[in-house]
Amino acid sequence: FLNLIGLQQSNFPDAWWGSTLYWILRILLIFPFYQVLLVIYGWLFGQFNFFWAFEKKMLKRIGLGFLL
């Protein structure tokens, strides 16, 4: 997905903030996909309730519990 949208480290400047910006954007873009994929795989393997509870607990711990 990141290659598809053109998010590659070579597209950022060589300064220290270029690398920092790249990693911040990478984490912010990958995190939502991880959350969705986790629930989808849980549903596919019949463990939706477990992964849904895990998801809610994880989001509450990082301060994003208001989303649910």
C-alpha atoms as a PDB file:
ATOM      1  CA  PHE A   1       0.000   0.000   0.000  1.00  0.00           C
ATOM      2  CA  LEU A   2       2.766   2.440   0.888  1.00  0.00           C
ATOM      3  CA  ASN A   3       4.527   1.839  -2.423  1.00  0.00           C
ATOM      4  CA  LEU A   4       1.224   2.259  -4.231  1.00  0.00           C
ATOM      5  CA  ILE A   5       0.720   5.765  -2.814  1.00  0.00           C
ATOM      6  CA  GLY A   6       4.384   6.649  -3.357  1.00  0.00           C
ATOM      7  CA  LEU A   7       5.504   6.772   0.268  1.00  0.00           C
ATOM      8  CA  GLN A   8       9.148   5.813  -0.062  1.00  0.00           C
ATOM      9  CA  GLN A   9      12.046   7.086   1.959  1.00  0.00           C
ATOM     10  CA  SER A  10      13.817   8.210  -1.211  1.00  0.00           C
ATOM     11  CA  ASN A  11      11.024  10.778  -1.760  1.00  0.00           C
ATOM     12  CA  PHE A  12      11.932  12.642   1.434  1.00  0.00           C
ATOM     13  CA  PRO A  13      14.900  14.974   1.901  1.00  0.00           C
ATOM     14  CA  ASP A  14      18.139  13.666   3.411  1.00  0.00           C
ATOM     15  CA  ALA A  15      17.845  16.021   6.392  1.00  0.00           C
ATOM     16  CA  TRP A  16      17.028  14.572   9.814  1.00  0.00           C
ATOM     17  CA  TRP A  17      13.449  15.804   9.642  1.00  0.00           C
ATOM     18  CA  GLY A  18      12.858  14.022   6.323  1.00  0.00           C
ATOM     19  CA  SER A  19      13.546  10.639   7.855  1.00  0.00           C
ATOM     20  CA  THR A  20      11.510  11.500  10.944  1.00  0.00           C
ATOM     21  CA  LEU A  21       8.566  12.664   8.829  1.00  0.00           C
ATOM     22  CA  TYR A  22       8.757   9.486   6.736  1.00  0.00           C
ATOM     23  CA  TRP A  23       8.541   7.225   9.796  1.00  0.00           C
ATOM     24  CA  ILE A  24       5.744   9.230  11.406  1.00  0.00           C
ATOM     25  CA  LEU A  25       3.669   9.062   8.206  1.00  0.00           C
ATOM     26  CA  ARG A  26       4.450   5.374   7.822  1.00  0.00           C
ATOM     27  CA  ILE A  27       3.224   4.550  11.336  1.00  0.00           C
ATOM     28  CA  LEU A  28       0.120   6.725  10.997  1.00  0.00           C
ATOM     29  CA  LEU A  29      -0.827   5.025   7.732  1.00  0.00           C
ATOM     30  CA  ILE A  30      -0.049   1.452   8.763  1.00  0.00           C
ATOM     31  CA  PHE A  31      -1.783   1.586  12.159  1.00  0.00           C
ATOM     32  CA  PRO A  32      -5.395   1.786  10.849  1.00  0.00           C
ATOM     33  CA  PHE A  33      -4.755  -0.992   8.326  1.00  0.00           C
ATOM     34  CA  TYR A  34      -3.374  -3.219  11.075  1.00  0.00           C
ATOM     35  CA  GLN A  35      -6.461  -2.640  13.214  1.00  0.00           C
ATOM     36  CA  VAL A  36      -8.853  -3.496  10.398  1.00  0.00           C
ATOM     37  CA  LEU A  37      -6.878  -6.535   9.254  1.00  0.00           C
ATOM     38  CA  LEU A  38      -6.707  -7.863  12.798  1.00  0.00           C
ATOM     39  CA  VAL A  39     -10.503  -7.869  13.099  1.00  0.00           C
ATOM     40  CA  ILE A  40     -10.965  -9.302   9.582  1.00  0.00           C
ATOM     41  CA  TYR A  41      -8.590 -12.202  10.252  1.00  0.00           C
ATOM     42  CA  GLY A  42     -10.313 -12.813  13.562  1.00  0.00           C
ATOM     43  CA  TRP A  43     -13.644 -12.994  11.760  1.00  0.00           C
ATOM     44  CA  LEU A  44     -12.264 -15.333   9.080  1.00  0.00           C
ATOM     45  CA  PHE A  45     -10.922 -17.762  11.675  1.00  0.00           C
ATOM     46  CA  GLY A  46     -13.984 -17.627  13.912  1.00  0.00           C
ATOM     47  CA  GLN A  47     -12.414 -15.544  16.671  1.00  0.00           C
ATOM     48  CA  PHE A  48     -14.134 -12.229  16.001  1.00  0.00           C
ATOM     49  CA  ASN A  49     -15.312 -11.666  19.596  1.00  0.00           C
ATOM     50  CA  PHE A  50     -11.814 -12.169  20.998  1.00  0.00           C
ATOM     51  CA  PHE A  51     -10.151  -9.830  18.521  1.00  0.00           C
ATOM     52  CA  TRP A  52     -12.924  -7.232  18.799  1.00  0.00           C
ATOM     53  CA  ALA A  53     -12.460  -7.125  22.592  1.00  0.00           C
ATOM     54  CA  PHE A  54      -8.679  -6.979  22.075  1.00  0.00           C
ATOM     55  CA  GLU A  55      -9.116  -4.117  19.609  1.00  0.00           C
ATOM     56  CA  LYS A  56     -11.298  -2.096  21.989  1.00  0.00           C
ATOM     57  CA  LYS A  57      -8.885  -2.642  24.873  1.00  0.00           C
ATOM     58  CA  MET A  58      -5.885  -1.606  22.765  1.00  0.00           C
ATOM     59  CA  LEU A  59      -7.575   1.571  21.519  1.00  0.00           C
ATOM     60  CA  LYS A  60      -8.633   2.540  25.036  1.00  0.00           C
ATOM     61  CA  ARG A  61      -5.066   2.113  26.293  1.00  0.00           C
ATOM     62  CA  ILE A  62      -3.652   4.457  23.668  1.00  0.00           C
ATOM     63  CA  GLY A  63      -6.372   7.045  24.282  1.00  0.00           C
ATOM     64  CA  LEU A  64      -8.531   6.405  21.236  1.00  0.00           C
ATOM     65  CA  GLY A  65     -11.352   4.654  23.065  1.00  0.00           C
ATOM     66  CA  PHE A  66     -13.762   7.437  22.088  1.00  0.00           C
ATOM     67  CA  LEU A  67     -13.759   6.016  18.543  1.00  0.00           C
ATOM     68  CA  LEU A  68     -15.732   2.996  19.692  1.00  0.00           C
END
